[in-house]
Amino acid sequence: MRATGIVRRIDDLGRVVIPKEIRKTLRIREGDPLEIFTAKDGEVILKKYSPIGELNEFSQEYTETLGETLGLGVVVTDLDSIIAVSKLPKKEYKEKSISDELEQLIENRETKTSKDTKLIPLHKDDSMDYKKQIIIPIISSSGDCIGSIALVAKESDDMSEAEEKILKIAANFLGKQVQ
């Protein structure tokens, strides 16, 4: 943990303002849920809450099953980073911050289909050494957009509408796992 040198007082309602610079750096927006932790030494720790991040191990197993079955790269993200990867180099993808383009796609609840020719980077330093991709937002049972799931193929003829339907099922299934 590192000190920022910023000190804030608690108001009469028990609120503390998180400075704009910190919110921007950590990509915390109005309405984002924060999880609160306490330590024995009196520390209070705020952590950005990721509903799909709670399913990290489950998401990884599900991603590996999809990747093995389809023979394609599979990536699951929350709203900030990649949380599960299969059939792609984990060092290059896992826990990387998602790209601005992917963040926008998720925020707009847009689906990128196999017919779309323009590829978007999955993370900020993505080498994009694939020819096709499908990206579908993951929507929770309560209607909140909580992340995305993507398929990527090294060859342009490796994807069809069948893979798109499978990915829609996967997105729907993962969304139903989050309460």
N, C-alpha and C. Protein backbone atom coordinates (compact mmCIF):
# COMPACT_ATOMS: atom_id res chain seq x y z
N MET A 1 0.86 -1.16 0.00
CA MET A 1 0.00 0.00 0.00
C MET A 1 0.91 1.23 0.00
N ARG A 2 0.53 2.24 -0.78
CA ARG A 2 1.35 3.45 -0.82
C ARG A 2 0.52 4.67 -0.42
N ALA A 3 1.17 5.61 0.22
CA ALA A 3 0.50 6.83 0.66
C ALA A 3 0.34 7.79 -0.51
N THR A 4 -0.78 8.49 -0.54
CA THR A 4 -1.03 9.48 -1.60
C THR A 4 -0.77 10.89 -1.10
N GLY A 5 -0.72 11.06 0.21
CA GLY A 5 -0.54 12.39 0.78
C GLY A 5 -1.84 13.17 0.85
N ILE A 6 -2.94 12.55 0.47
CA ILE A 6 -4.25 13.22 0.49
C ILE A 6 -4.98 12.83 1.76
N VAL A 7 -5.50 13.83 2.46
CA VAL A 7 -6.24 13.59 3.70
C VAL A 7 -7.65 14.15 3.52
N ARG A 8 -8.65 13.38 3.91
CA ARG A 8 -10.04 13.81 3.83
C ARG A 8 -10.71 13.60 5.18
N ARG A 9 -11.64 14.46 5.52
CA ARG A 9 -12.40 14.34 6.77
C ARG A 9 -13.74 13.64 6.49
N ILE A 10 -14.25 12.97 7.50
CA ILE A 10 -15.56 12.34 7.42
C ILE A 10 -16.59 13.40 7.75
N ASP A 11 -17.67 13.49 6.93
CA ASP A 11 -18.70 14.49 7.21
C ASP A 11 -19.68 13.96 8.26
N ASP A 12 -20.68 14.78 8.59
CA ASP A 12 -21.63 14.41 9.65
C ASP A 12 -22.49 13.20 9.31
N LEU A 13 -22.53 12.81 8.05
CA LEU A 13 -23.27 11.60 7.65
C LEU A 13 -22.36 10.38 7.50
N GLY A 14 -21.08 10.53 7.84
CA GLY A 14 -20.14 9.42 7.78
C GLY A 14 -19.53 9.21 6.40
N ARG A 15 -19.63 10.19 5.52
CA ARG A 15 -19.13 10.06 4.16
C ARG A 15 -17.70 10.60 4.04
N VAL A 16 -16.96 9.99 3.12
CA VAL A 16 -15.62 10.45 2.77
C VAL A 16 -15.59 10.61 1.26
N VAL A 17 -15.05 11.71 0.78
CA VAL A 17 -14.94 11.94 -0.65
C VAL A 17 -13.64 11.32 -1.16
N ILE A 18 -13.75 10.49 -2.19
CA ILE A 18 -12.56 9.94 -2.84
C ILE A 18 -12.15 10.94 -3.91
N PRO A 19 -10.92 11.46 -3.83
CA PRO A 19 -10.50 12.49 -4.78
C PRO A 19 -10.62 12.06 -6.24
N LYS A 20 -10.94 13.05 -7.08
CA LYS A 20 -11.15 12.81 -8.50
C LYS A 20 -9.95 12.10 -9.15
N GLU A 21 -8.72 12.51 -8.79
CA GLU A 21 -7.53 11.92 -9.39
C GLU A 21 -7.47 10.41 -9.11
N ILE A 22 -7.82 10.03 -7.89
CA ILE A 22 -7.79 8.61 -7.52
C ILE A 22 -8.91 7.87 -8.24
N ARG A 23 -10.12 8.47 -8.28
CA ARG A 23 -11.24 7.83 -8.98
C ARG A 23 -10.89 7.62 -10.45
N LYS A 24 -10.26 8.60 -11.06
CA LYS A 24 -9.89 8.50 -12.48
C LYS A 24 -8.85 7.40 -12.69
N THR A 25 -7.82 7.40 -11.86
CA THR A 25 -6.76 6.40 -11.97
C THR A 25 -7.30 4.99 -11.80
N LEU A 26 -8.19 4.80 -10.83
CA LEU A 26 -8.74 3.47 -10.54
C LEU A 26 -10.01 3.16 -11.33
N ARG A 27 -10.41 4.08 -12.20
CA ARG A 27 -11.59 3.90 -13.04
C ARG A 27 -12.85 3.66 -12.21
N ILE A 28 -13.00 4.46 -11.15
CA ILE A 28 -14.19 4.38 -10.30
C ILE A 28 -15.13 5.49 -10.74
N ARG A 29 -16.34 5.09 -11.14
CA ARG A 29 -17.33 6.06 -11.60
C ARG A 29 -18.49 6.15 -10.61
N GLU A 30 -19.27 7.20 -10.76
CA GLU A 30 -20.45 7.37 -9.93
C GLU A 30 -21.34 6.14 -10.05
N GLY A 31 -21.75 5.62 -8.92
CA GLY A 31 -22.63 4.45 -8.91
C GLY A 31 -21.89 3.12 -8.84
N ASP A 32 -20.55 3.12 -9.01
CA ASP A 32 -19.79 1.88 -8.91
C ASP A 32 -19.84 1.35 -7.48
N PRO A 33 -20.05 0.05 -7.33
CA PRO A 33 -20.04 -0.51 -5.97
C PRO A 33 -18.60 -0.67 -5.46
N LEU A 34 -18.40 -0.37 -4.19
CA LEU A 34 -17.10 -0.55 -3.54
C LEU A 34 -17.29 -1.52 -2.38
N GLU A 35 -16.36 -2.44 -2.24
CA GLU A 35 -16.38 -3.38 -1.14
C GLU A 35 -15.51 -2.82 -0.02
N ILE A 36 -15.94 -2.95 1.23
CA ILE A 36 -15.23 -2.37 2.36
C ILE A 36 -14.62 -3.48 3.21
N PHE A 37 -13.31 -3.36 3.45
CA PHE A 37 -12.59 -4.31 4.29
C PHE A 37 -12.00 -3.55 5.47
N THR A 38 -11.83 -4.23 6.59
CA THR A 38 -11.16 -3.63 7.74
C THR A 38 -10.02 -4.54 8.16
N ALA A 39 -8.97 -3.94 8.70
CA ALA A 39 -7.83 -4.69 9.22
C ALA A 39 -7.74 -4.45 10.72
N LYS A 40 -7.05 -5.34 11.40
CA LYS A 40 -6.94 -5.26 12.86
C LYS A 40 -6.29 -3.98 13.33
N ASP A 41 -5.42 -3.41 12.51
CA ASP A 41 -4.69 -2.21 12.92
C ASP A 41 -5.46 -0.93 12.63
N GLY A 42 -6.75 -1.04 12.33
CA GLY A 42 -7.57 0.14 12.12
C GLY A 42 -7.68 0.62 10.69
N GLU A 43 -7.09 -0.09 9.76
CA GLU A 43 -7.18 0.31 8.36
C GLU A 43 -8.57 0.00 7.80
N VAL A 44 -9.05 0.88 6.96
CA VAL A 44 -10.28 0.66 6.21
C VAL A 44 -9.87 0.63 4.74
N ILE A 45 -10.18 -0.44 4.06
CA ILE A 45 -9.76 -0.60 2.66
C ILE A 45 -10.99 -0.66 1.79
N LEU A 46 -11.02 0.19 0.77
CA LEU A 46 -12.09 0.19 -0.22
C LEU A 46 -11.56 -0.49 -1.47
N LYS A 47 -12.32 -1.42 -2.00
CA LYS A 47 -11.93 -2.13 -3.22
C LYS A 47 -13.10 -2.11 -4.18
N LYS A 48 -12.82 -1.81 -5.44
CA LYS A 48 -13.87 -1.81 -6.44
C LYS A 48 -14.44 -3.23 -6.52
N TYR A 49 -15.75 -3.32 -6.39
CA TYR A 49 -16.42 -4.62 -6.36
C TYR A 49 -16.75 -5.08 -7.77
N SER A 50 -16.43 -6.32 -8.06
CA SER A 50 -16.74 -6.93 -9.35
C SER A 50 -17.60 -8.16 -9.12
N PRO A 51 -18.89 -8.09 -9.46
CA PRO A 51 -19.75 -9.25 -9.24
C PRO A 51 -19.25 -10.49 -9.95
N ILE A 52 -18.78 -10.33 -11.19
CA ILE A 52 -18.29 -11.51 -11.93
C ILE A 52 -16.93 -11.95 -11.41
N GLY A 53 -16.19 -11.02 -10.79
CA GLY A 53 -14.91 -11.37 -10.18
C GLY A 53 -15.09 -12.38 -9.05
N GLU A 54 -16.26 -12.38 -8.43
CA GLU A 54 -16.57 -13.36 -7.39
C GLU A 54 -16.61 -14.77 -7.97
N LEU A 55 -16.83 -14.86 -9.27
CA LEU A 55 -16.90 -16.16 -9.94
C LEU A 55 -15.59 -16.49 -10.65
N ASN A 56 -14.50 -15.92 -10.20
CA ASN A 56 -13.23 -16.02 -10.89
C ASN A 56 -12.84 -17.46 -11.23
N GLU A 57 -12.83 -18.33 -10.24
CA GLU A 57 -12.44 -19.73 -10.46
C GLU A 57 -13.44 -20.42 -11.38
N PHE A 58 -14.72 -20.20 -11.14
CA PHE A 58 -15.76 -20.79 -11.98
C PHE A 58 -15.63 -20.29 -13.42
N SER A 59 -15.42 -18.98 -13.60
CA SER A 59 -15.26 -18.41 -14.94
C SER A 59 -14.08 -19.02 -15.66
N GLN A 60 -12.98 -19.25 -14.94
CA GLN A 60 -11.79 -19.84 -15.55
C GLN A 60 -12.08 -21.27 -16.03
N GLU A 61 -12.75 -22.06 -15.21
CA GLU A 61 -13.09 -23.43 -15.60
C GLU A 61 -14.05 -23.44 -16.80
N TYR A 62 -15.02 -22.56 -16.76
CA TYR A 62 -15.99 -22.47 -17.85
C TYR A 62 -15.30 -22.04 -19.15
N THR A 63 -14.39 -21.08 -19.04
CA THR A 63 -13.63 -20.59 -20.18
C THR A 63 -12.78 -21.70 -20.78
N GLU A 64 -12.12 -22.48 -19.93
CA GLU A 64 -11.29 -23.59 -20.41
C GLU A 64 -12.13 -24.64 -21.12
N THR A 65 -13.30 -24.93 -20.59
CA THR A 65 -14.19 -25.89 -21.23
C THR A 65 -14.62 -25.41 -22.61
N LEU A 66 -15.01 -24.14 -22.70
CA LEU A 66 -15.39 -23.57 -24.00
C LEU A 66 -14.22 -23.60 -24.99
N GLY A 67 -13.04 -23.20 -24.53
CA GLY A 67 -11.86 -23.17 -25.38
C GLY A 67 -11.49 -24.54 -25.91
N GLU A 68 -11.53 -25.55 -25.03
CA GLU A 68 -11.21 -26.92 -25.45
C GLU A 68 -12.26 -27.45 -26.43
N THR A 69 -13.51 -27.18 -26.17
CA THR A 69 -14.59 -27.68 -27.02
C THR A 69 -14.58 -27.03 -28.40
N LEU A 70 -14.41 -25.71 -28.44
CA LEU A 70 -14.48 -24.98 -29.70
C LEU A 70 -13.13 -24.87 -30.40
N GLY A 71 -12.04 -25.06 -29.66
CA GLY A 71 -10.71 -24.90 -30.24
C GLY A 71 -10.39 -23.45 -30.56
N LEU A 72 -11.01 -22.52 -29.84
CA LEU A 72 -10.81 -21.08 -30.06
C LEU A 72 -10.38 -20.43 -28.75
N GLY A 73 -9.77 -19.24 -28.87
CA GLY A 73 -9.41 -18.47 -27.69
C GLY A 73 -10.66 -17.90 -27.04
N VAL A 74 -10.71 -17.95 -25.72
CA VAL A 74 -11.86 -17.43 -24.98
C VAL A 74 -11.35 -16.51 -23.88
N VAL A 75 -12.02 -15.36 -23.73
CA VAL A 75 -11.66 -14.38 -22.71
C VAL A 75 -12.93 -13.93 -22.00
N VAL A 76 -12.89 -13.87 -20.66
CA VAL A 76 -13.99 -13.31 -19.87
C VAL A 76 -13.44 -12.10 -19.13
N THR A 77 -14.21 -11.00 -19.17
CA THR A 77 -13.79 -9.78 -18.49
C THR A 77 -14.86 -9.33 -17.49
N ASP A 78 -14.42 -8.54 -16.52
CA ASP A 78 -15.39 -7.77 -15.76
C ASP A 78 -15.38 -6.38 -16.39
N LEU A 79 -15.76 -5.36 -15.68
CA LEU A 79 -15.82 -4.02 -16.29
C LEU A 79 -14.45 -3.35 -16.37
N ASP A 80 -13.43 -3.96 -15.76
CA ASP A 80 -12.11 -3.34 -15.72
C ASP A 80 -10.99 -4.18 -16.31
N SER A 81 -11.03 -5.49 -16.10
CA SER A 81 -9.90 -6.31 -16.51
C SER A 81 -10.33 -7.70 -16.98
N ILE A 82 -9.38 -8.40 -17.55
CA ILE A 82 -9.62 -9.77 -18.02
C ILE A 82 -9.46 -10.69 -16.82
N ILE A 83 -10.50 -11.51 -16.56
CA ILE A 83 -10.47 -12.36 -15.36
C ILE A 83 -10.29 -13.84 -15.68
N ALA A 84 -10.53 -14.26 -16.94
CA ALA A 84 -10.36 -15.66 -17.31
C ALA A 84 -9.93 -15.75 -18.77
N VAL A 85 -9.02 -16.71 -19.05
CA VAL A 85 -8.46 -16.86 -20.40
C VAL A 85 -8.28 -18.33 -20.70
N SER A 86 -8.56 -18.72 -21.95
CA SER A 86 -8.28 -20.08 -22.40
C SER A 86 -7.83 -20.05 -23.85
N LYS A 87 -6.90 -20.94 -24.17
CA LYS A 87 -6.37 -21.09 -25.54
C LYS A 87 -5.66 -19.84 -26.04
N LEU A 88 -5.24 -18.97 -25.13
CA LEU A 88 -4.45 -17.77 -25.43
C LEU A 88 -3.38 -17.69 -24.34
N PRO A 89 -2.24 -17.02 -24.62
CA PRO A 89 -1.20 -16.92 -23.59
C PRO A 89 -1.69 -16.14 -22.36
N LYS A 90 -1.79 -16.81 -21.23
CA LYS A 90 -2.31 -16.17 -20.01
C LYS A 90 -1.49 -14.95 -19.62
N LYS A 91 -0.17 -14.99 -19.80
CA LYS A 91 0.69 -13.85 -19.45
C LYS A 91 0.32 -12.61 -20.24
N GLU A 92 -0.16 -12.80 -21.46
CA GLU A 92 -0.49 -11.66 -22.31
C GLU A 92 -1.90 -11.12 -22.08
N TYR A 93 -2.74 -11.87 -21.39
CA TYR A 93 -4.14 -11.46 -21.24
C TYR A 93 -4.63 -11.36 -19.80
N LYS A 94 -4.41 -12.37 -18.99
CA LYS A 94 -5.00 -12.44 -17.65
C LYS A 94 -4.61 -11.24 -16.80
N GLU A 95 -5.62 -10.65 -16.17
CA GLU A 95 -5.51 -9.52 -15.25
C GLU A 95 -5.07 -8.21 -15.92
N LYS A 96 -5.08 -8.17 -17.25
CA LYS A 96 -4.76 -6.93 -17.97
C LYS A 96 -6.01 -6.05 -17.98
N SER A 97 -5.82 -4.74 -17.93
CA SER A 97 -6.94 -3.80 -18.01
C SER A 97 -7.53 -3.86 -19.42
N ILE A 98 -8.85 -3.89 -19.49
CA ILE A 98 -9.49 -3.96 -20.81
C ILE A 98 -9.24 -2.66 -21.58
N SER A 99 -9.29 -2.76 -22.91
CA SER A 99 -9.06 -1.59 -23.76
C SER A 99 -10.24 -0.62 -23.66
N ASP A 100 -9.98 0.63 -24.03
CA ASP A 100 -11.05 1.63 -24.02
C ASP A 100 -12.17 1.24 -24.98
N GLU A 101 -11.79 0.65 -26.13
CA GLU A 101 -12.80 0.23 -27.11
C GLU A 101 -13.69 -0.86 -26.55
N LEU A 102 -13.09 -1.83 -25.85
CA LEU A 102 -13.89 -2.90 -25.24
C LEU A 102 -14.76 -2.34 -24.12
N GLU A 103 -14.21 -1.44 -23.33
CA GLU A 103 -14.99 -0.81 -22.26
C GLU A 103 -16.22 -0.11 -22.83
N GLN A 104 -16.04 0.60 -23.95
CA GLN A 104 -17.14 1.31 -24.60
C GLN A 104 -18.18 0.32 -25.13
N LEU A 105 -17.72 -0.77 -25.72
CA LEU A 105 -18.61 -1.81 -26.24
C LEU A 105 -19.48 -2.37 -25.11
N ILE A 106 -18.84 -2.67 -23.97
CA ILE A 106 -19.56 -3.21 -22.81
C ILE A 106 -20.55 -2.18 -22.28
N GLU A 107 -20.08 -0.95 -22.12
CA GLU A 107 -20.92 0.13 -21.59
C GLU A 107 -22.17 0.34 -22.44
N ASN A 108 -22.01 0.22 -23.76
CA ASN A 108 -23.13 0.39 -24.69
C ASN A 108 -23.94 -0.89 -24.89
N ARG A 109 -23.52 -1.96 -24.21
CA ARG A 109 -24.18 -3.27 -24.31
C ARG A 109 -24.26 -3.76 -25.76
N GLU A 110 -23.20 -3.49 -26.51
CA GLU A 110 -23.14 -3.87 -27.92
C GLU A 110 -22.54 -5.26 -28.06
N THR A 111 -22.99 -5.96 -29.09
CA THR A 111 -22.43 -7.26 -29.44
C THR A 111 -21.61 -7.09 -30.70
N LYS A 112 -20.41 -7.65 -30.69
CA LYS A 112 -19.57 -7.66 -31.88
C LYS A 112 -19.69 -9.06 -32.46
N THR A 113 -20.21 -9.17 -33.67
CA THR A 113 -20.48 -10.48 -34.27
C THR A 113 -19.35 -10.96 -35.16
N SER A 114 -19.46 -12.19 -35.61
CA SER A 114 -18.45 -12.78 -36.49
C SER A 114 -18.45 -12.11 -37.86
N LYS A 115 -19.52 -11.41 -38.20
CA LYS A 115 -19.60 -10.72 -39.49
C LYS A 115 -18.82 -9.40 -39.49
N ASP A 116 -18.60 -8.83 -38.29
CA ASP A 116 -17.86 -7.57 -38.19
C ASP A 116 -16.40 -7.81 -38.58
N THR A 117 -15.89 -6.99 -39.46
CA THR A 117 -14.51 -7.17 -39.91
C THR A 117 -13.51 -6.41 -39.06
N LYS A 118 -13.95 -5.31 -38.43
CA LYS A 118 -13.02 -4.51 -37.62
C LYS A 118 -12.80 -5.19 -36.27
N LEU A 119 -11.54 -5.48 -35.97
CA LEU A 119 -11.19 -6.07 -34.69
C LEU A 119 -10.96 -4.97 -33.67
N ILE A 120 -11.30 -5.26 -32.41
CA ILE A 120 -10.99 -4.30 -31.36
C ILE A 120 -10.05 -4.98 -30.36
N PRO A 121 -9.10 -4.24 -29.82
CA PRO A 121 -8.19 -4.85 -28.85
C PRO A 121 -8.94 -5.22 -27.57
N LEU A 122 -8.57 -6.36 -26.99
CA LEU A 122 -9.22 -6.80 -25.76
C LEU A 122 -8.60 -6.11 -24.54
N HIS A 123 -7.31 -5.81 -24.62
CA HIS A 123 -6.66 -5.06 -23.55
C HIS A 123 -5.76 -3.99 -24.17
N LYS A 124 -5.22 -3.13 -23.34
CA LYS A 124 -4.51 -1.95 -23.83
C LYS A 124 -3.27 -2.26 -24.67
N ASP A 125 -2.60 -3.37 -24.41
CA ASP A 125 -1.39 -3.73 -25.16
C ASP A 125 -1.61 -4.95 -26.05
N ASP A 126 -2.84 -5.20 -26.44
CA ASP A 126 -3.19 -6.39 -27.21
C ASP A 126 -2.50 -6.37 -28.58
N SER A 127 -1.75 -7.43 -28.87
CA SER A 127 -1.06 -7.54 -30.17
C SER A 127 -2.04 -7.91 -31.28
N MET A 128 -3.23 -8.36 -30.91
CA MET A 128 -4.30 -8.72 -31.85
C MET A 128 -3.79 -9.66 -32.95
N ASP A 129 -3.14 -10.75 -32.54
CA ASP A 129 -2.66 -11.73 -33.50
C ASP A 129 -3.74 -12.78 -33.81
N TYR A 130 -4.95 -12.30 -34.00
CA TYR A 130 -6.08 -13.14 -34.40
C TYR A 130 -6.80 -12.45 -35.54
N LYS A 131 -7.59 -13.23 -36.28
CA LYS A 131 -8.23 -12.71 -37.49
C LYS A 131 -9.72 -12.41 -37.30
N LYS A 132 -10.36 -13.09 -36.35
CA LYS A 132 -11.81 -12.92 -36.12
C LYS A 132 -12.07 -12.88 -34.63
N GLN A 133 -13.16 -12.20 -34.25
CA GLN A 133 -13.57 -12.18 -32.85
C GLN A 133 -15.07 -11.96 -32.74
N ILE A 134 -15.61 -12.49 -31.67
CA ILE A 134 -17.01 -12.25 -31.29
C ILE A 134 -16.95 -11.79 -29.84
N ILE A 135 -17.67 -10.71 -29.53
CA ILE A 135 -17.69 -10.20 -28.15
C ILE A 135 -19.15 -9.95 -27.76
N ILE A 136 -19.53 -10.49 -26.61
CA ILE A 136 -20.90 -10.34 -26.12
C ILE A 136 -20.87 -9.85 -24.68
N PRO A 137 -21.65 -8.82 -24.36
CA PRO A 137 -21.70 -8.35 -22.97
C PRO A 137 -22.38 -9.39 -22.08
N ILE A 138 -21.96 -9.42 -20.83
CA ILE A 138 -22.59 -10.30 -19.84
C ILE A 138 -23.50 -9.42 -18.99
N ILE A 139 -24.79 -9.77 -18.98
CA ILE A 139 -25.80 -9.02 -18.24
C ILE A 139 -26.28 -9.89 -17.08
N SER A 140 -26.27 -9.34 -15.87
CA SER A 140 -26.71 -10.10 -14.70
C SER A 140 -28.23 -10.24 -14.70
N SER A 141 -28.74 -11.08 -13.80
CA SER A 141 -30.18 -11.29 -13.66
C SER A 141 -30.90 -9.99 -13.33
N SER A 142 -30.21 -9.08 -12.64
CA SER A 142 -30.83 -7.81 -12.26
C SER A 142 -30.78 -6.77 -13.39
N GLY A 143 -30.16 -7.14 -14.52
CA GLY A 143 -30.12 -6.24 -15.67
C GLY A 143 -28.87 -5.38 -15.76
N ASP A 144 -27.94 -5.54 -14.81
CA ASP A 144 -26.69 -4.77 -14.84
C ASP A 144 -25.69 -5.43 -15.78
N CYS A 145 -24.97 -4.61 -16.54
CA CYS A 145 -23.90 -5.12 -17.39
C CYS A 145 -22.69 -5.32 -16.48
N ILE A 146 -22.15 -6.55 -16.44
CA ILE A 146 -21.08 -6.86 -15.48
C ILE A 146 -19.76 -7.25 -16.15
N GLY A 147 -19.74 -7.33 -17.47
CA GLY A 147 -18.51 -7.72 -18.16
C GLY A 147 -18.79 -8.17 -19.57
N SER A 148 -17.88 -9.00 -20.09
CA SER A 148 -18.05 -9.51 -21.45
C SER A 148 -17.38 -10.87 -21.59
N ILE A 149 -17.75 -11.55 -22.65
CA ILE A 149 -17.08 -12.79 -23.02
C ILE A 149 -16.76 -12.68 -24.50
N ALA A 150 -15.56 -13.13 -24.87
CA ALA A 150 -15.10 -13.00 -26.25
C ALA A 150 -14.51 -14.32 -26.75
N LEU A 151 -14.73 -14.57 -28.03
CA LEU A 151 -14.07 -15.67 -28.74
C LEU A 151 -13.14 -15.04 -29.75
N VAL A 152 -11.94 -15.59 -29.91
CA VAL A 152 -11.03 -15.10 -30.94
C VAL A 152 -10.50 -16.29 -31.73
N ALA A 153 -10.29 -16.08 -33.03
CA ALA A 153 -9.81 -17.14 -33.91
C ALA A 153 -8.60 -16.67 -34.68
N LYS A 154 -7.62 -17.54 -34.82
CA LYS A 154 -6.40 -17.21 -35.57
C LYS A 154 -6.66 -17.19 -37.06
N GLU A 155 -7.61 -17.99 -37.52
CA GLU A 155 -7.95 -18.04 -38.95
C GLU A 155 -9.34 -17.43 -39.14
N SER A 156 -9.53 -16.73 -40.24
CA SER A 156 -10.78 -16.00 -40.45
C SER A 156 -11.98 -16.91 -40.71
N ASP A 157 -11.75 -18.16 -41.11
CA ASP A 157 -12.89 -19.05 -41.39
C ASP A 157 -13.21 -19.97 -40.21
N ASP A 158 -12.62 -19.70 -39.04
CA ASP A 158 -12.83 -20.55 -37.87
C ASP A 158 -14.11 -20.24 -37.09
N MET A 159 -14.85 -19.19 -37.48
CA MET A 159 -16.05 -18.81 -36.73
C MET A 159 -17.26 -18.70 -37.63
N SER A 160 -18.38 -19.09 -37.05
CA SER A 160 -19.64 -19.00 -37.79
C SER A 160 -20.72 -18.54 -36.82
N GLU A 161 -21.95 -18.55 -37.29
CA GLU A 161 -23.07 -18.17 -36.43
C GLU A 161 -23.27 -19.17 -35.29
N ALA A 162 -22.83 -20.41 -35.48
CA ALA A 162 -22.96 -21.41 -34.41
C ALA A 162 -22.13 -21.00 -33.19
N GLU A 163 -20.89 -20.55 -33.42
CA GLU A 163 -20.05 -20.10 -32.31
C GLU A 163 -20.65 -18.86 -31.64
N GLU A 164 -21.26 -18.02 -32.45
CA GLU A 164 -21.90 -16.83 -31.91
C GLU A 164 -23.05 -17.22 -30.96
N LYS A 165 -23.84 -18.20 -31.36
CA LYS A 165 -24.94 -18.67 -30.51
C LYS A 165 -24.41 -19.30 -29.23
N ILE A 166 -23.34 -20.07 -29.35
CA ILE A 166 -22.72 -20.69 -28.17
C ILE A 166 -22.24 -19.62 -27.21
N LEU A 167 -21.64 -18.56 -27.75
CA LEU A 167 -21.14 -17.48 -26.90
C LEU A 167 -22.29 -16.72 -26.23
N LYS A 168 -23.40 -16.56 -26.94
CA LYS A 168 -24.57 -15.91 -26.33
C LYS A 168 -25.09 -16.75 -25.17
N ILE A 169 -25.10 -18.06 -25.34
CA ILE A 169 -25.52 -18.96 -24.26
C ILE A 169 -24.57 -18.81 -23.07
N ALA A 170 -23.27 -18.77 -23.35
CA ALA A 170 -22.26 -18.63 -22.30
C ALA A 170 -22.44 -17.31 -21.54
N ALA A 171 -22.65 -16.21 -22.27
CA ALA A 171 -22.85 -14.91 -21.64
C ALA A 171 -24.10 -14.92 -20.76
N ASN A 172 -25.17 -15.50 -21.27
CA ASN A 172 -26.42 -15.60 -20.53
C ASN A 172 -26.23 -16.45 -19.27
N PHE A 173 -25.54 -17.57 -19.41
CA PHE A 173 -25.31 -18.47 -18.28
C PHE A 173 -24.48 -17.78 -17.20
N LEU A 174 -23.38 -17.11 -17.61
CA LEU A 174 -22.54 -16.42 -16.62
C LEU A 174 -23.31 -15.30 -15.94
N GLY A 175 -24.15 -14.59 -16.69
CA GLY A 175 -24.96 -13.53 -16.11
C GLY A 175 -25.92 -14.05 -15.05
N LYS A 176 -26.44 -15.24 -15.24
CA LYS A 176 -27.38 -15.83 -14.29
C LYS A 176 -26.69 -16.33 -13.01
N GLN A 177 -25.36 -16.47 -13.05
CA GLN A 177 -24.62 -16.93 -11.88
C GLN A 177 -24.42 -15.81 -10.86
N VAL A 178 -24.59 -14.57 -11.31
CA VAL A 178 -24.36 -13.41 -10.44
C VAL A 178 -25.69 -12.96 -9.84
N GLN A 179 -25.71 -12.79 -8.53
CA GLN A 179 -26.94 -12.37 -7.85
C GLN A 179 -27.00 -10.88 -7.77
